[in-house]
Amino acid sequence: MISDRHFRKRLFISVGSDRLNIQHNYYLSTCRILNKLFGQVVDGLLHLLNRLTDGMSGGLMKKTFQRKQMGDLLVEAGTLKEDSLQEALSKQKSSKRRLGEILQEMGVASEKDIARVLSTQFNIKPASPLTENHVSEELQGLVPLQTAMTRLVCPISREGYKLNLAMANPLDLNTIDDISFRTELKVVPWISTPSEIIAAIRLHYLGAEKADNREQCKILIIERNEIIRATAVSALEAEGYRLIEACDGEEGLEAVMQHLPQLIITESAMPGMDGSVLFNALQQNPVTRHIPLVGFSSIASRDEEISLLNLGFVDFLPKPIDQALLVARVGRVLDLVYQGQVFSATTRTATRESSSLYEAIHTLLGLLQASLEKEQDIQSL
């Protein structure tokens, strides 16, 4: 017979065990639910990651294989031959430049070919002609001139919290993120060619100058010191060149985009955008990379000269500027770069001499005609 005390003790133990079982079961059920939810969250994240990878914003994975895929698509489209692709890929390994840029330099693929491939490959819509689109002051405020020039982008329109942006490289996630962070807008990339974007920037931001048909060689001087700048301008204007002035790299880059000069003479050491940074910015732009640069510096050390020449500058001048040496070096550079063209110094000199000879002959013929008329008048009397 079980005593009342033992019964209560066994009952307490039984109830306690039931409680532990209930708590254990509850714990297991909770873990199962959490595991299920966690699995769903992980699956959702993986699904989102896959979508981002397949879509534009997830170009990180595809960007790694972008060059090969783009080349393959150009070959498949019949635009590019396989041997040309292999040659370009070989040059790319040594130069570490974009494949599209190399293909254009080789003359085997155009800007439009590459834009069409990118549009097809990454499902990005091509932008309509940008020069026909109005870029308001509000849009220019969202994408400042400096950003537009250095990143080769141009705003198309704003729709609520969405900013449609024409891009030469729509896979440039850093640019997309920067503009999105600064404007607090969702950036939707549209693809366009570098030439179309530059034309739009010149038109909408800078009010590009109209062609005046004067065939006058334009030279941009970038120099902080007004006296040195005025000395260079005076010497070159006396030779018939058209001079454009800028006091620093940022102003110089803007002047390049607005006027597209035939030659740039720039100080090498400047605060902010110095000569090297300016050179690299121009090289990233297919419209400006062909413009020759001459550097000058008050330091004028041998190491600095070698560094600039190795970078790609065509010549180097020490300061203070010798006007006769400046004119001679500018003429030499123009002859080398624009050989046989109207901007060549030799062609300009020959044209000027021919013009002077023509004027002299015209003057002599006028004097001869006047003399004959006078003689006829005398005979008639």
Protein backbone atom coordinates (compact mmCIF):
# COMPACT_ATOMS: atom_id res chain seq x y z
CA MET A 1 0.00 0.00 0.00
CA ILE A 2 1.40 3.36 -1.02
CA SER A 3 1.35 6.11 1.54
CA ASP A 4 -0.08 9.48 0.77
CA ARG A 5 3.35 11.04 0.98
CA HIS A 6 4.87 8.61 -1.52
CA PHE A 7 1.93 9.11 -3.86
CA ARG A 8 2.37 12.84 -3.84
CA LYS A 9 6.12 12.42 -4.47
CA ARG A 10 5.54 10.11 -7.44
CA LEU A 11 2.85 12.41 -8.75
CA PHE A 12 5.24 15.38 -8.50
CA ILE A 13 7.95 13.45 -10.34
CA SER A 14 5.47 12.40 -13.00
CA VAL A 15 4.15 15.91 -13.43
CA GLY A 16 7.73 17.24 -13.54
CA SER A 17 8.66 14.72 -16.19
CA ASP A 18 5.63 15.67 -18.22
CA ARG A 19 6.65 19.30 -17.96
CA LEU A 20 10.16 18.48 -19.11
CA ASN A 21 8.73 16.43 -21.97
CA ILE A 22 6.43 19.29 -22.92
CA GLN A 23 9.30 21.77 -22.73
CA HIS A 24 11.53 19.44 -24.74
CA ASN A 25 8.85 18.91 -27.36
CA TYR A 26 8.24 22.65 -27.50
CA TYR A 27 11.96 23.25 -27.94
CA LEU A 28 12.14 20.69 -30.76
CA SER A 29 9.09 22.19 -32.45
CA THR A 30 10.58 25.66 -32.16
CA CYS A 31 13.87 24.47 -33.62
CA ARG A 32 12.05 22.82 -36.50
CA ILE A 33 10.13 26.03 -37.23
CA LEU A 34 13.28 28.17 -37.00
CA ASN A 35 15.20 25.75 -39.24
CA LYS A 36 12.37 25.87 -41.76
CA LEU A 37 12.24 29.64 -41.67
CA PHE A 38 16.03 29.87 -41.93
CA GLY A 39 15.98 27.51 -44.89
CA GLN A 40 13.32 29.63 -46.57
CA VAL A 41 15.36 32.78 -45.93
CA VAL A 42 18.52 31.16 -47.33
CA ASP A 43 16.61 29.88 -50.36
CA GLY A 44 15.18 33.35 -50.91
CA LEU A 45 18.60 34.97 -50.68
CA LEU A 46 20.07 32.42 -53.07
CA HIS A 47 17.18 33.00 -55.48
CA LEU A 48 17.70 36.77 -55.25
CA LEU A 49 21.43 36.34 -55.78
CA ASN A 50 20.79 34.24 -58.87
CA ARG A 51 18.43 36.88 -60.24
CA LEU A 52 20.97 39.61 -59.57
CA THR A 53 23.67 37.54 -61.25
CA ASP A 54 21.46 36.93 -64.28
CA GLY A 55 20.28 40.54 -64.37
CA MET A 56 22.09 43.79 -64.88
CA SER A 57 22.83 44.66 -61.29
CA GLY A 58 24.49 41.34 -60.72
CA GLY A 59 27.08 41.82 -63.38
CA LEU A 60 29.76 40.92 -60.83
CA MET A 61 29.89 37.27 -61.83
CA LYS A 62 29.25 37.90 -65.52
CA LYS A 63 31.66 40.78 -65.50
CA THR A 64 34.44 38.31 -64.83
CA PHE A 65 33.62 36.54 -68.07
CA GLN A 66 32.45 39.62 -69.94
CA ARG A 67 35.42 39.90 -72.27
CA LYS A 68 35.34 36.33 -73.49
CA GLN A 69 31.56 36.30 -73.90
CA MET A 70 31.55 39.62 -75.74
CA GLY A 71 34.24 38.37 -78.13
CA ASP A 72 32.39 35.11 -78.69
CA LEU A 73 29.19 36.98 -79.50
CA LEU A 74 30.98 39.23 -81.97
CA VAL A 75 32.42 36.13 -83.65
CA GLU A 76 29.00 34.46 -83.72
CA ALA A 77 27.47 37.59 -85.25
CA GLY A 78 30.08 37.53 -88.01
CA THR A 79 31.44 40.91 -86.96
CA LEU A 80 34.74 39.54 -85.70
CA LYS A 81 37.02 36.75 -86.89
CA GLU A 82 38.38 34.21 -84.41
CA ASP A 83 42.03 35.04 -85.13
CA SER A 84 41.31 38.74 -84.54
CA LEU A 85 39.67 37.88 -81.22
CA GLN A 86 42.68 35.84 -80.11
CA GLU A 87 45.03 38.66 -81.10
CA ALA A 88 42.94 41.14 -79.10
CA LEU A 89 42.82 38.84 -76.06
CA SER A 90 46.60 38.51 -76.22
CA LYS A 91 47.00 42.30 -76.28
CA GLN A 92 44.54 42.57 -73.42
CA LYS A 93 46.62 40.31 -71.17
CA SER A 94 49.68 42.49 -71.58
CA SER A 95 47.94 45.88 -71.44
CA LYS A 96 45.11 45.07 -68.96
CA ARG A 97 42.75 47.29 -70.96
CA ARG A 98 39.14 46.62 -71.91
CA LEU A 99 38.65 44.27 -74.82
CA GLY A 100 36.22 46.63 -76.55
CA GLU A 101 38.79 49.42 -76.54
CA ILE A 102 41.43 47.13 -78.08
CA LEU A 103 39.03 45.86 -80.75
CA GLN A 104 38.23 49.43 -81.76
CA GLU A 105 41.90 50.34 -82.00
CA MET A 106 42.48 47.28 -84.19
CA GLY A 107 39.64 48.45 -86.42
CA VAL A 108 37.82 45.10 -86.26
CA ALA A 109 34.80 46.22 -84.22
CA SER A 110 32.98 49.52 -83.90
CA GLU A 111 31.38 51.23 -80.90
CA LYS A 112 27.95 50.26 -82.19
CA ASP A 113 28.96 46.60 -82.58
CA ILE A 114 30.10 46.46 -78.96
CA ALA A 115 27.03 48.32 -77.70
CA ARG A 116 24.76 45.92 -79.57
CA VAL A 117 26.53 42.90 -78.04
CA LEU A 118 26.30 44.32 -74.52
CA SER A 119 22.63 45.08 -75.04
CA THR A 120 21.94 41.50 -76.18
CA GLN A 121 24.17 39.81 -73.64
CA PHE A 122 22.95 41.62 -70.53
CA ASN A 123 19.42 42.49 -71.64
CA ILE A 124 20.02 46.25 -71.40
CA LYS A 125 17.94 48.57 -73.54
CA PRO A 126 19.77 50.83 -76.01
CA ALA A 127 19.23 54.55 -75.46
CA SER A 128 17.58 56.65 -78.15
CA PRO A 129 19.72 59.40 -79.77
CA LEU A 130 20.88 61.49 -76.81
CA THR A 131 21.35 64.73 -78.72
CA GLU A 132 17.64 64.74 -79.53
CA ASN A 133 16.73 64.38 -75.85
CA HIS A 134 16.39 67.44 -73.59
CA VAL A 135 18.55 67.26 -70.46
CA SER A 136 17.05 69.67 -67.95
CA GLU A 137 18.97 71.57 -65.26
CA GLU A 138 17.45 69.21 -62.69
CA LEU A 139 18.95 66.19 -64.47
CA GLN A 140 22.29 67.95 -64.83
CA GLY A 141 22.20 68.57 -61.08
CA LEU A 142 21.67 64.87 -60.43
CA VAL A 143 24.61 63.96 -62.67
CA PRO A 144 27.19 66.79 -62.51
CA LEU A 145 29.40 67.63 -65.47
CA GLN A 146 32.53 66.18 -63.85
CA THR A 147 30.78 62.84 -63.26
CA ALA A 148 29.35 62.80 -66.78
CA MET A 149 32.73 63.48 -68.38
CA THR A 150 34.87 61.11 -66.30
CA ARG A 151 32.36 58.24 -66.15
CA LEU A 152 30.92 58.68 -69.67
CA VAL A 153 27.29 58.83 -68.56
CA CYS A 154 24.39 61.11 -69.42
CA PRO A 155 20.99 61.34 -67.69
CA ILE A 156 17.98 60.57 -69.87
CA SER A 157 14.99 61.20 -67.62
CA ARG A 158 13.65 60.91 -64.09
CA GLU A 159 10.51 58.96 -63.30
CA GLY A 160 9.63 59.34 -59.63
CA TYR A 161 12.38 57.60 -57.67
CA LYS A 162 13.95 56.15 -60.83
CA LEU A 163 16.76 57.77 -62.83
CA ASN A 164 17.29 56.55 -66.40
CA LEU A 165 20.98 56.84 -67.20
CA ALA A 166 22.78 56.36 -70.52
CA MET A 167 26.14 54.65 -69.95
CA ALA A 168 29.04 53.70 -72.19
CA ASN A 169 29.74 50.87 -69.75
CA PRO A 170 26.47 49.79 -68.11
CA LEU A 171 28.38 47.17 -66.10
CA ASP A 172 30.19 49.88 -64.13
CA LEU A 173 28.57 49.08 -60.78
CA ASN A 174 30.70 51.63 -58.91
CA THR A 175 29.26 54.48 -60.97
CA ILE A 176 25.72 53.16 -60.56
CA ASP A 177 26.15 52.82 -56.80
CA ASP A 178 27.77 56.26 -56.43
CA ILE A 179 25.03 58.08 -58.33
CA SER A 180 22.29 56.07 -56.60
CA PHE A 181 23.76 56.81 -53.15
CA ARG A 182 24.18 60.51 -53.85
CA THR A 183 20.77 61.07 -55.47
CA GLU A 184 18.81 58.50 -53.40
CA LEU A 185 17.32 57.29 -56.68
CA LYS A 186 17.27 53.89 -58.34
CA VAL A 187 19.59 54.09 -61.34
CA VAL A 188 18.36 52.23 -64.43
CA PRO A 189 21.20 51.85 -66.98
CA TRP A 190 20.67 52.25 -70.71
CA ILE A 191 23.46 51.53 -73.15
CA SER A 192 24.91 54.09 -75.53
CA THR A 193 28.18 54.56 -77.39
CA PRO A 194 30.94 56.80 -75.97
CA SER A 195 30.71 59.09 -79.00
CA GLU A 196 26.97 59.60 -78.52
CA ILE A 197 27.40 60.35 -74.81
CA ILE A 198 30.23 62.82 -75.45
CA ALA A 199 28.18 64.58 -78.14
CA ALA A 200 25.28 64.84 -75.67
CA ILE A 201 27.53 66.22 -72.91
CA ARG A 202 28.98 68.82 -75.26
CA LEU A 203 25.51 69.86 -76.42
CA HIS A 204 23.51 69.80 -73.18
CA TYR A 205 26.11 70.65 -70.55
CA LEU A 206 28.61 72.80 -72.44
CA GLY A 207 26.70 74.23 -75.38
CA ALA A 208 29.24 72.92 -77.89
CA GLU A 209 30.64 75.53 -80.21
CA LYS A 210 29.44 75.47 -83.79
CA ALA A 211 31.82 74.74 -86.62
CA ASP A 212 33.10 77.96 -88.15
CA ASN A 213 34.84 76.39 -91.17
CA ARG A 214 38.01 78.39 -90.47
CA GLU A 215 40.23 75.30 -90.27
CA GLN A 216 42.18 77.04 -87.50
CA CYS A 217 44.32 74.86 -85.22
CA LYS A 218 43.11 75.06 -81.61
CA ILE A 219 45.63 74.72 -78.78
CA LEU A 220 44.65 74.45 -75.12
CA ILE A 221 47.06 75.90 -72.53
CA ILE A 222 46.58 74.66 -68.94
CA GLU A 223 48.72 76.66 -66.50
CA ARG A 224 48.12 78.15 -63.04
CA ASN A 225 50.53 81.06 -63.42
CA GLU A 226 48.87 83.84 -65.42
CA ILE A 227 52.17 85.37 -66.58
CA ILE A 228 53.50 82.06 -67.91
CA ARG A 229 50.14 81.30 -69.53
CA ALA A 230 50.00 84.74 -71.18
CA THR A 231 53.57 84.33 -72.47
CA ALA A 232 52.72 81.02 -74.15
CA VAL A 233 49.46 82.36 -75.55
CA SER A 234 51.14 85.44 -76.99
CA ALA A 235 53.86 83.42 -78.74
CA LEU A 236 51.45 80.93 -80.30
CA GLU A 237 48.78 83.46 -81.29
CA ALA A 238 51.46 85.29 -83.27
CA GLU A 239 51.83 82.10 -85.33
CA GLY A 240 48.14 82.05 -86.20
CA TYR A 241 46.97 79.43 -83.72
CA ARG A 242 43.69 79.74 -81.87
CA LEU A 243 44.38 79.59 -78.12
CA ILE A 244 42.10 78.33 -75.35
CA GLU A 245 43.10 78.88 -71.71
CA ALA A 246 42.49 76.98 -68.45
CA CYS A 247 44.01 77.45 -65.00
CA ASP A 248 43.76 73.87 -63.66
CA GLY A 249 43.10 70.27 -64.65
CA GLU A 250 39.37 70.27 -63.98
CA GLU A 251 38.83 73.44 -66.01
CA GLY A 252 41.12 72.03 -68.67
CA LEU A 253 39.13 68.80 -68.98
CA GLU A 254 35.94 70.81 -69.39
CA ALA A 255 37.61 72.94 -72.07
CA VAL A 256 38.74 69.80 -73.92
CA MET A 257 35.18 68.48 -74.02
CA GLN A 258 33.80 71.82 -75.18
CA HIS A 259 36.38 72.76 -77.84
CA LEU A 260 38.14 69.48 -78.80
CA PRO A 261 41.53 71.13 -79.44
CA GLN A 262 44.20 69.70 -81.74
CA LEU A 263 46.93 70.04 -79.07
CA ILE A 264 47.07 70.36 -75.27
CA ILE A 265 49.97 71.98 -73.43
CA THR A 266 49.62 71.39 -69.71
CA GLU A 267 51.52 71.98 -66.52
CA SER A 268 52.52 68.62 -65.08
CA ALA A 269 52.27 69.44 -61.34
CA MET A 270 48.90 70.87 -60.35
CA PRO A 271 46.72 70.46 -57.25
CA GLY A 272 43.78 68.13 -57.74
CA MET A 273 43.86 66.87 -61.32
CA ASP A 274 47.52 67.05 -62.34
CA GLY A 275 48.94 66.40 -65.79
CA SER A 276 49.13 62.61 -65.36
CA VAL A 277 45.56 62.32 -64.07
CA LEU A 278 44.34 64.52 -66.93
CA PHE A 279 46.19 62.34 -69.45
CA ASN A 280 44.60 59.16 -68.04
CA ALA A 281 41.14 60.77 -68.11
CA LEU A 282 41.58 61.69 -71.77
CA GLN A 283 42.81 58.20 -72.61
CA GLN A 284 39.60 56.68 -71.22
CA ASN A 285 37.61 58.74 -73.72
CA PRO A 286 37.64 57.46 -77.33
CA VAL A 287 37.00 60.97 -78.67
CA THR A 288 39.90 62.63 -76.81
CA ARG A 289 42.53 59.89 -76.52
CA HIS A 290 44.12 60.87 -79.86
CA ILE A 291 44.82 64.49 -78.78
CA PRO A 292 48.58 64.95 -78.21
CA LEU A 293 49.78 66.41 -74.91
CA VAL A 294 52.92 68.44 -74.24
CA GLY A 295 53.93 68.81 -70.60
CA PHE A 296 55.93 71.54 -68.96
CA SER A 297 57.19 72.04 -65.44
CA SER A 298 59.30 74.42 -63.36
CA ILE A 299 61.03 71.39 -61.83
CA ALA A 300 61.94 69.96 -65.23
CA SER A 301 63.88 67.07 -63.78
CA ARG A 302 65.14 64.23 -65.95
CA ASP A 303 63.02 61.71 -64.01
CA GLU A 304 59.86 63.76 -64.49
CA GLU A 305 60.50 64.12 -68.21
CA ILE A 306 61.08 60.38 -68.58
CA SER A 307 57.94 59.62 -66.54
CA LEU A 308 55.71 61.83 -68.70
CA LEU A 309 57.17 60.58 -71.98
CA ASN A 310 56.72 56.97 -70.87
CA LEU A 311 53.14 57.76 -69.88
CA GLY A 312 52.36 58.96 -73.40
CA PHE A 313 53.12 62.69 -73.56
CA VAL A 314 54.57 63.60 -76.96
CA ASP A 315 56.99 66.22 -75.64
CA PHE A 316 58.19 68.05 -72.55
CA LEU A 317 59.28 71.68 -71.99
CA PRO A 318 60.98 73.31 -69.01
CA LYS A 319 59.82 76.55 -67.39
CA PRO A 320 60.36 79.45 -67.72
CA ILE A 321 59.13 79.14 -71.30
CA ASP A 322 61.40 80.04 -74.19
CA GLN A 323 58.94 81.39 -76.78
CA ALA A 324 61.03 80.42 -79.81
CA LEU A 325 61.53 76.90 -78.43
CA LEU A 326 57.81 76.61 -77.64
CA VAL A 327 56.81 77.57 -81.20
CA ALA A 328 59.34 75.17 -82.69
CA ARG A 329 58.26 72.25 -80.48
CA VAL A 330 54.56 72.87 -81.15
CA GLY A 331 55.21 72.95 -84.89
CA ARG A 332 57.17 69.69 -84.67
CA VAL A 333 54.40 67.93 -82.70
CA LEU A 334 51.69 69.08 -85.11
CA ASP A 335 53.77 67.88 -88.08
CA LEU A 336 54.22 64.45 -86.49
CA VAL A 337 50.60 63.99 -85.44
CA TYR A 338 48.78 65.70 -88.31
CA GLN A 339 51.20 64.99 -91.15
CA GLY A 340 49.78 66.32 -94.41
CA GLN A 341 46.62 67.61 -92.74
CA VAL A 342 45.52 71.20 -92.43
CA PHE A 343 46.65 71.34 -88.77
CA SER A 344 50.22 70.39 -89.67
CA ALA A 345 52.61 73.28 -89.11
CA THR A 346 54.27 72.60 -92.48
CA THR A 347 50.91 72.61 -94.28
CA ARG A 348 49.88 75.79 -92.48
CA THR A 349 53.18 77.47 -93.44
CA ALA A 350 52.86 76.37 -97.06
CA THR A 351 49.27 77.57 -97.17
CA ARG A 352 50.26 80.90 -95.65
CA GLU A 353 53.14 81.28 -98.12
CA SER A 354 50.89 80.35 -101.04
CA SER A 355 48.35 82.87 -99.86
CA SER A 356 51.04 85.57 -99.59
CA LEU A 357 52.33 84.72 -103.08
CA TYR A 358 48.79 84.85 -104.47
CA GLU A 359 48.24 88.26 -102.87
CA ALA A 360 51.54 89.54 -104.30
CA ILE A 361 50.68 88.31 -107.81
CA HIS A 362 47.19 89.76 -107.51
CA THR A 363 48.67 93.12 -106.50
CA LEU A 364 51.13 93.08 -109.44
CA LEU A 365 48.36 92.23 -111.88
CA GLY A 366 46.33 95.10 -110.49
CA LEU A 367 49.22 97.52 -110.96
CA LEU A 368 49.82 96.20 -114.51
CA GLN A 369 46.15 96.61 -115.38
CA ALA A 370 46.15 100.16 -114.04
CA SER A 371 49.27 100.94 -116.06
CA LEU A 372 47.73 99.61 -119.28
CA GLU A 373 44.55 101.59 -118.73
CA LYS A 374 46.58 104.74 -118.11
CA GLU A 375 48.59 104.16 -121.31
CA GLN A 376 45.36 103.69 -123.32
CA ASP A 377 43.97 106.91 -121.92
CA ILE A 378 47.13 108.77 -123.01
CA GLN A 379 46.94 107.31 -126.53
CA SER A 380 43.31 108.24 -126.87
CA LEU A 381 44.18 111.86 -126.20
